[in-house]
Structures are given as structure tokens and as C-alpha cells.
N, C-alpha and C. Protein backbone atom coordinates (compact mmCIF):
# COMPACT_ATOMS: atom_id res chain seq x y z
N MET A 1 1.18 94.01 -67.28
CA MET A 1 1.69 95.10 -66.30
C MET A 1 2.72 93.97 -65.06
N THR A 2 4.02 94.63 -65.11
CA THR A 2 4.83 94.12 -64.10
C THR A 2 5.21 95.32 -62.88
N LYS A 3 5.43 94.44 -61.77
CA LYS A 3 5.75 95.21 -60.63
C LYS A 3 7.21 94.74 -60.14
N THR A 4 7.90 95.84 -60.02
CA THR A 4 9.67 95.96 -59.48
C THR A 4 9.46 96.69 -58.19
N ASN A 5 10.78 96.34 -57.76
CA ASN A 5 11.29 97.38 -56.72
C ASN A 5 12.47 98.11 -57.00
N PHE A 6 12.27 99.08 -57.69
CA PHE A 6 13.26 99.79 -58.06
C PHE A 6 14.32 100.49 -56.98
N MET A 7 15.53 100.44 -57.38
CA MET A 7 16.20 100.82 -56.43
C MET A 7 16.36 100.02 -54.88
N ASP A 8 15.56 98.81 -54.68
CA ASP A 8 15.13 98.27 -53.71
C ASP A 8 14.13 99.12 -52.59
N LYS A 9 13.49 99.98 -53.02
CA LYS A 9 12.80 100.63 -52.20
C LYS A 9 11.30 101.31 -52.74
N TYR A 10 11.39 101.56 -54.18
CA TYR A 10 10.41 102.18 -54.89
C TYR A 10 9.59 101.39 -55.66
N PRO A 11 8.28 100.84 -55.35
CA PRO A 11 7.37 100.03 -56.02
C PRO A 11 6.94 100.67 -57.24
N VAL A 12 7.36 100.04 -58.51
CA VAL A 12 7.04 100.63 -59.75
C VAL A 12 6.18 99.57 -60.51
N TYR A 13 5.30 100.05 -61.24
CA TYR A 13 4.41 99.11 -62.21
C TYR A 13 4.89 99.63 -63.99
N THR A 14 5.02 98.79 -64.63
CA THR A 14 5.53 99.01 -65.77
C THR A 14 4.68 98.35 -66.97
N VAL A 15 4.53 98.79 -67.87
CA VAL A 15 3.52 98.28 -68.83
C VAL A 15 4.50 98.76 -70.11
N GLU A 16 4.68 97.73 -70.97
CA GLU A 16 5.36 97.83 -72.34
C GLU A 16 4.55 97.57 -73.32
N LEU A 17 4.51 98.52 -74.40
CA LEU A 17 3.37 98.48 -75.31
C LEU A 17 4.23 98.65 -76.94
N SER A 18 4.14 97.61 -77.77
CA SER A 18 4.97 97.98 -79.02
C SER A 18 3.97 99.17 -79.62
N LYS A 19 4.65 99.94 -80.51
CA LYS A 19 3.83 101.12 -80.81
C LYS A 19 3.06 100.60 -82.06
N ASN A 20 2.99 99.26 -82.73
CA ASN A 20 1.88 99.02 -83.81
C ASN A 20 0.94 98.33 -82.88
N GLU A 21 0.94 98.27 -81.47
CA GLU A 21 -0.16 97.98 -80.93
C GLU A 21 -1.08 99.01 -80.48
N LEU A 22 -0.24 100.42 -80.62
CA LEU A 22 -1.12 101.41 -80.10
C LEU A 22 -1.87 102.54 -81.16
N ALA A 23 -2.91 103.11 -80.79
CA ALA A 23 -3.82 104.13 -81.50
C ALA A 23 -3.23 105.10 -81.79
N VAL A 24 -2.55 105.55 -80.74
CA VAL A 24 -1.69 106.87 -80.90
C VAL A 24 -0.30 106.47 -80.81
N THR A 25 1.09 107.08 -81.13
CA THR A 25 2.30 106.56 -81.05
C THR A 25 3.26 107.47 -80.69
N THR A 26 2.97 108.99 -80.52
CA THR A 26 3.84 109.64 -80.16
C THR A 26 3.47 109.86 -78.58
N VAL A 27 4.60 110.34 -77.74
CA VAL A 27 4.41 110.82 -76.42
C VAL A 27 3.27 112.01 -76.18
N ASP A 28 3.36 112.94 -77.19
CA ASP A 28 2.57 113.94 -77.06
C ASP A 28 1.29 113.61 -77.04
N GLU A 29 0.95 112.45 -78.25
CA GLU A 29 -0.50 112.09 -78.29
C GLU A 29 -1.18 111.27 -77.25
N ILE A 30 -0.17 110.42 -76.86
CA ILE A 30 -0.59 109.54 -75.52
C ILE A 30 -0.48 110.15 -74.16
N ILE A 31 0.23 111.20 -73.99
CA ILE A 31 -0.35 112.10 -72.95
C ILE A 31 -1.66 112.90 -73.12
N GLU A 32 -1.86 113.10 -74.04
CA GLU A 32 -3.37 113.78 -74.72
C GLU A 32 -4.58 112.97 -74.39
N SER A 33 -4.23 111.46 -74.60
CA SER A 33 -5.12 110.55 -74.22
C SER A 33 -5.27 110.40 -72.77
N LEU A 34 -4.06 110.07 -72.36
CA LEU A 34 -4.21 109.89 -70.90
C LEU A 34 -4.85 111.39 -69.70
N LYS A 35 -4.63 112.61 -70.50
CA LYS A 35 -5.12 113.75 -69.70
C LYS A 35 -6.55 113.54 -69.97
N SER A 36 -7.11 113.16 -71.30
CA SER A 36 -8.66 112.92 -71.27
C SER A 36 -9.22 111.94 -70.40
N GLU A 37 -8.59 111.04 -69.84
CA GLU A 37 -8.98 109.79 -69.18
C GLU A 37 -9.06 110.34 -67.79
N ILE A 38 -7.92 111.19 -67.17
CA ILE A 38 -8.00 111.92 -65.82
C ILE A 38 -9.17 112.62 -65.72
N GLU A 39 -9.26 113.44 -66.90
CA GLU A 39 -10.32 114.53 -66.73
C GLU A 39 -11.80 113.91 -66.43
N ALA A 40 -11.94 112.59 -67.24
CA ALA A 40 -13.14 111.73 -67.14
C ALA A 40 -13.39 111.28 -65.93
N HIS A 41 -12.31 111.13 -64.96
CA HIS A 41 -12.46 110.26 -63.69
C HIS A 41 -13.23 111.25 -62.92
N PRO A 42 -14.00 110.66 -61.95
CA PRO A 42 -14.73 111.22 -61.26
C PRO A 42 -14.00 111.97 -59.89
N ILE A 43 -12.66 111.26 -59.66
CA ILE A 43 -11.98 111.95 -58.30
C ILE A 43 -10.27 112.32 -59.06
N ALA A 44 -10.28 112.06 -60.14
CA ALA A 44 -9.00 112.57 -60.48
C ALA A 44 -8.77 113.85 -60.68
N ALA A 45 -8.12 114.65 -60.50
CA ALA A 45 -7.60 116.08 -60.83
C ALA A 45 -6.14 115.96 -61.87
N TYR A 46 -6.25 116.59 -63.25
CA TYR A 46 -5.38 116.95 -64.31
C TYR A 46 -4.19 117.89 -63.02
N ILE A 47 -3.12 117.74 -63.29
CA ILE A 47 -1.97 119.05 -62.54
C ILE A 47 -1.09 119.46 -63.90
N ALA A 48 -0.22 118.73 -64.62
CA ALA A 48 0.67 119.58 -65.22
C ALA A 48 1.09 118.41 -66.08
N ILE A 49 2.08 118.49 -67.27
CA ILE A 49 2.92 117.63 -68.05
C ILE A 49 4.20 118.14 -67.64
N PHE A 50 5.19 116.93 -67.41
CA PHE A 50 6.42 117.66 -67.39
C PHE A 50 7.45 117.04 -68.45
N ASP A 51 7.84 118.02 -69.15
CA ASP A 51 8.86 117.41 -70.44
C ASP A 51 10.04 117.14 -69.68
N HIS A 52 10.29 115.68 -69.02
CA HIS A 52 11.54 115.07 -68.49
C HIS A 52 12.49 115.00 -69.57
N TYR A 53 12.31 114.63 -70.73
CA TYR A 53 13.76 114.59 -71.82
C TYR A 53 14.24 116.00 -72.20
N SER A 54 13.34 117.02 -71.98
CA SER A 54 14.02 118.25 -72.36
C SER A 54 14.87 118.72 -71.24
N HIS A 55 14.21 118.48 -69.93
CA HIS A 55 14.97 119.08 -69.00
C HIS A 55 16.12 118.21 -68.68
N THR A 56 16.22 117.02 -68.63
CA THR A 56 17.38 116.00 -68.91
C THR A 56 18.66 116.40 -69.87
N LYS A 57 18.05 116.73 -70.51
CA LYS A 57 18.79 117.07 -72.11
C LYS A 57 19.46 118.64 -71.68
N LYS A 58 18.40 119.61 -71.40
CA LYS A 58 19.37 120.92 -71.05
C LYS A 58 20.39 120.82 -69.82
N ILE A 59 20.00 120.03 -69.14
CA ILE A 59 21.52 119.92 -67.97
C ILE A 59 22.68 118.88 -68.27
N ASP A 60 22.47 118.29 -69.58
CA ASP A 60 23.27 117.59 -70.01
C ASP A 60 23.42 116.11 -69.17
N GLY A 61 22.19 115.69 -68.51
CA GLY A 61 21.95 114.68 -67.91
C GLY A 61 22.13 113.42 -68.61
N ASP A 62 22.45 112.26 -68.06
CA ASP A 62 22.57 110.92 -68.60
C ASP A 62 21.06 110.37 -68.91
N MET A 63 21.16 109.61 -69.81
CA MET A 63 19.76 108.99 -70.49
C MET A 63 20.11 107.67 -70.70
N VAL A 64 18.84 107.02 -70.38
CA VAL A 64 18.79 105.51 -70.74
C VAL A 64 19.40 105.52 -72.19
N GLU A 65 19.82 104.49 -72.75
CA GLU A 65 20.20 104.31 -74.22
C GLU A 65 18.66 103.82 -75.10
N GLY A 66 18.66 104.34 -75.98
CA GLY A 66 17.58 104.25 -76.99
C GLY A 66 16.38 105.14 -76.56
N LEU A 67 16.52 105.98 -75.41
CA LEU A 67 15.01 106.89 -75.22
C LEU A 67 15.18 107.59 -76.12
N GLU A 68 13.91 108.06 -76.64
CA GLU A 68 13.83 109.07 -77.92
C GLU A 68 12.91 110.39 -77.33
N ASP A 69 11.84 110.02 -76.14
CA ASP A 69 11.17 111.22 -75.52
C ASP A 69 10.75 110.44 -74.52
N VAL A 70 10.32 111.41 -73.42
CA VAL A 70 9.80 110.89 -72.16
C VAL A 70 9.17 112.27 -71.78
N LYS A 71 7.99 112.12 -71.26
CA LYS A 71 6.95 113.14 -70.01
C LYS A 71 6.37 112.39 -69.13
N ASN A 72 6.16 113.44 -68.13
CA ASN A 72 5.55 112.83 -67.07
C ASN A 72 4.07 113.54 -67.09
N ILE A 73 2.87 112.70 -66.95
CA ILE A 73 1.60 113.39 -66.83
C ILE A 73 1.15 113.15 -65.57
N VAL A 74 0.90 114.33 -64.53
CA VAL A 74 0.83 114.54 -63.23
C VAL A 74 -0.68 114.97 -62.88
N PHE A 75 -0.82 114.20 -61.92
CA PHE A 75 -2.40 114.36 -61.60
C PHE A 75 -2.44 113.77 -60.34
N CYS A 76 -3.96 113.63 -59.60
CA CYS A 76 -3.99 113.30 -58.28
C CYS A 76 -5.43 112.55 -57.99
N PHE A 77 -5.35 111.60 -57.54
CA PHE A 77 -6.85 110.64 -57.14
C PHE A 77 -6.97 111.13 -55.56
N GLY A 78 -6.76 112.35 -55.29
CA GLY A 78 -7.09 112.85 -53.75
C GLY A 78 -8.43 113.19 -53.37
N ALA A 79 -8.88 112.04 -52.84
CA ALA A 79 -10.45 112.37 -52.16
C ALA A 79 -10.80 112.61 -50.79
N ALA A 80 -9.63 112.33 -50.25
CA ALA A 80 -9.29 112.65 -48.88
C ALA A 80 -8.14 112.88 -48.40
N ILE A 81 -7.64 113.31 -46.96
CA ILE A 81 -6.58 113.57 -46.69
C ILE A 81 -6.53 112.76 -45.19
N PRO A 82 -6.94 111.35 -44.71
CA PRO A 82 -6.94 110.58 -43.73
C PRO A 82 -5.75 110.98 -42.59
N ALA A 83 -4.57 111.27 -43.36
CA ALA A 83 -3.30 111.66 -42.37
C ALA A 83 -2.45 112.63 -43.26
N THR A 84 -1.62 113.27 -42.69
CA THR A 84 -0.68 114.22 -43.20
C THR A 84 0.30 113.59 -44.04
N LYS A 85 0.79 112.12 -43.69
CA LYS A 85 1.82 111.35 -44.67
C LYS A 85 1.00 111.17 -46.06
N MET A 86 -0.15 111.27 -45.96
CA MET A 86 -0.56 110.97 -47.46
C MET A 86 -0.31 112.04 -48.28
N VAL A 87 0.06 113.03 -48.12
CA VAL A 87 0.28 114.15 -48.85
C VAL A 87 1.95 113.63 -49.71
N ALA A 88 2.75 113.04 -48.95
CA ALA A 88 3.80 112.57 -49.02
C ALA A 88 3.90 111.36 -50.53
N VAL A 89 2.68 111.00 -50.72
CA VAL A 89 2.51 109.82 -51.84
C VAL A 89 2.02 110.32 -52.63
N ARG A 90 1.32 111.92 -52.58
CA ARG A 90 0.84 112.41 -53.92
C ARG A 90 1.44 113.61 -54.45
N PRO A 91 0.99 113.88 -55.72
CA PRO A 91 0.22 113.64 -56.59
C PRO A 91 0.74 112.20 -57.19
N ARG A 92 0.18 111.82 -58.21
CA ARG A 92 0.70 110.75 -58.86
C ARG A 92 1.13 111.12 -60.23
N SER A 93 1.71 110.26 -60.97
CA SER A 93 2.63 110.57 -62.02
C SER A 93 2.84 109.49 -63.03
N ILE A 94 2.41 109.41 -64.46
CA ILE A 94 2.46 108.56 -65.32
C ILE A 94 3.69 109.11 -66.30
N GLY A 95 4.82 108.12 -66.37
CA GLY A 95 5.66 108.49 -67.17
C GLY A 95 5.57 107.61 -68.55
N VAL A 96 5.83 108.51 -69.54
CA VAL A 96 5.68 107.93 -70.72
C VAL A 96 6.69 108.07 -71.75
N CYS A 97 7.72 106.73 -72.01
CA CYS A 97 8.64 106.84 -72.54
C CYS A 97 8.86 106.39 -73.84
N ASP A 98 9.18 106.93 -74.92
CA ASP A 98 9.24 106.43 -76.22
C ASP A 98 10.86 105.74 -76.28
N MET A 99 10.82 104.66 -76.76
CA MET A 99 11.97 104.11 -76.71
C MET A 99 12.04 103.27 -78.17
N GLY A 100 11.73 104.20 -79.28
CA GLY A 100 11.88 103.65 -80.66
C GLY A 100 10.60 102.96 -80.83
N ASP A 101 10.80 101.70 -81.02
CA ASP A 101 9.94 100.80 -81.24
C ASP A 101 8.66 100.42 -80.51
N LYS A 102 8.90 101.18 -79.17
CA LYS A 102 7.86 100.36 -78.17
C LYS A 102 7.57 101.84 -77.24
N ILE A 103 6.54 101.86 -76.46
CA ILE A 103 6.20 102.80 -75.49
C ILE A 103 6.26 102.16 -74.24
N VAL A 104 6.99 102.66 -72.96
CA VAL A 104 7.23 101.98 -71.61
C VAL A 104 6.73 103.05 -70.96
N PHE A 105 5.29 102.80 -70.44
CA PHE A 105 4.86 103.40 -69.17
C PHE A 105 5.07 102.96 -68.11
N GLU A 106 5.74 103.90 -67.15
CA GLU A 106 5.96 103.48 -65.72
C GLU A 106 5.06 104.50 -64.79
N PHE A 107 4.97 104.18 -63.57
CA PHE A 107 4.19 104.76 -62.44
C PHE A 107 4.15 103.95 -61.10
N LEU A 108 4.37 104.72 -60.16
CA LEU A 108 4.39 104.32 -58.75
C LEU A 108 3.41 103.71 -58.06
N ASP A 109 3.55 102.80 -57.26
CA ASP A 109 2.42 101.99 -56.64
C ASP A 109 1.71 103.07 -55.98
N ALA A 110 0.33 102.88 -56.10
CA ALA A 110 -0.53 103.84 -55.71
C ALA A 110 -0.75 103.50 -54.08
N PRO A 111 -1.08 104.39 -52.95
CA PRO A 111 -1.69 104.14 -51.82
C PRO A 111 -2.83 102.93 -51.67
N LYS A 112 -3.84 103.18 -52.55
CA LYS A 112 -5.14 102.37 -52.69
C LYS A 112 -4.88 101.38 -54.29
N GLU A 113 -4.72 100.30 -53.96
CA GLU A 113 -4.56 99.19 -54.96
C GLU A 113 -5.33 99.24 -56.17
N GLU A 114 -6.61 99.77 -55.75
CA GLU A 114 -7.56 99.58 -57.04
C GLU A 114 -7.42 100.75 -57.91
N LEU A 115 -6.57 101.88 -57.68
CA LEU A 115 -6.13 102.74 -58.24
C LEU A 115 -4.98 102.43 -59.32
N ASN A 116 -4.20 101.56 -58.96
CA ASN A 116 -3.23 100.91 -60.09
C ASN A 116 -3.85 100.47 -61.20
N SER A 117 -5.09 99.57 -60.88
CA SER A 117 -5.97 99.19 -61.83
C SER A 117 -6.44 100.29 -62.92
N VAL A 118 -6.78 101.31 -62.10
CA VAL A 118 -7.34 102.22 -63.19
C VAL A 118 -6.32 102.84 -63.92
N MET A 119 -4.86 103.04 -63.60
CA MET A 119 -3.93 103.58 -64.33
C MET A 119 -3.68 102.68 -65.40
N GLU A 120 -3.71 101.17 -65.52
CA GLU A 120 -3.49 100.39 -65.90
C GLU A 120 -4.26 100.30 -67.20
N LYS A 121 -5.54 100.57 -66.63
CA LYS A 121 -6.91 100.53 -67.66
C LYS A 121 -6.68 101.81 -68.67
N TRP A 122 -6.16 102.88 -68.21
CA TRP A 122 -6.16 104.17 -68.89
C TRP A 122 -5.04 103.79 -70.15
N ILE A 123 -4.01 102.96 -69.66
CA ILE A 123 -3.03 102.57 -70.36
C ILE A 123 -3.54 101.74 -71.52
N LYS A 124 -3.95 100.68 -71.39
CA LYS A 124 -4.39 99.65 -71.99
C LYS A 124 -5.61 100.15 -73.17
N ASN A 125 -6.41 101.35 -72.62
CA ASN A 125 -7.59 101.54 -73.61
C ASN A 125 -6.58 102.64 -74.79
N LEU A 126 -5.31 102.55 -74.53
CA LEU A 126 -4.20 103.19 -75.85
C LEU A 126 -4.15 102.28 -76.97
N LYS A 127 -4.64 101.20 -76.82
CA LYS A 127 -4.59 99.93 -77.67
C LYS A 127 -5.80 100.55 -78.70
N LYS A 128 -4.88 99.85 -80.30
CA LYS A 128 -5.99 99.76 -81.29
C LYS A 128 -7.03 99.10 -80.94
């Protein structure tokens, strides 16, 4: 897992796995596996799936070379609302990007560091 600052302001974590490392290899299968992880978590709540690929194609938007499919699974770890600003960083989303021979997972840094490890574990649980 690597952390970068996208556009010099968004802390993003990236995990890249080749398809031959994964037990499931389509975006839809991966999303379903992640949904199961979310639903099994004691405080996470599943919200929705956003088909980012279809949306961008529909509006004739630009896409990175080699992208074959991408969906976001949207969920929330919100166990408390200690300040109104907390709602600006919720809900969470993991982007699942099919790049042909590999899947690239992207997610924004969570306010609680340990939740980044939870999301990384969910992704790594997809390995064979």
C-alpha cells in the first residue's frame, strides 16, 4: 500500500494487485467481496455502489489509458459525530479500477489511522 498526495492536497492510498493474485478478478466480484467485509464489520455501514465507468462514458468524459472498468463502493465507519466537520470526510469509498492485467484500489485517507489498515486488510483478503 502506498500513500500519495493527489493534486497536492488529497491523501490517497493505493493498492495494486495483479489479477493472478486475486481469488476474484472482475470489478463486480470484487465489489461483492468488499460489500461482505463491510457488512461484517461492527461499525461499518454499506451505502451504495457507484458505477464510475458507465457515468464517465455516458458524459463522454476522459479516462485514463487502459481503464476497462471502475466502480466505487461507498460505506461509512461513522461511530460518532464529535464535530460537524466530521461529516465532510464521510462517507468512505474504495475505488476498484480494472486496468486489464491488474486491479488498482484507491481510497482517501481516513480520519482514524486504524481504519486505513482495515480497508487495506479487506483488499488483501481478496488474494488467493
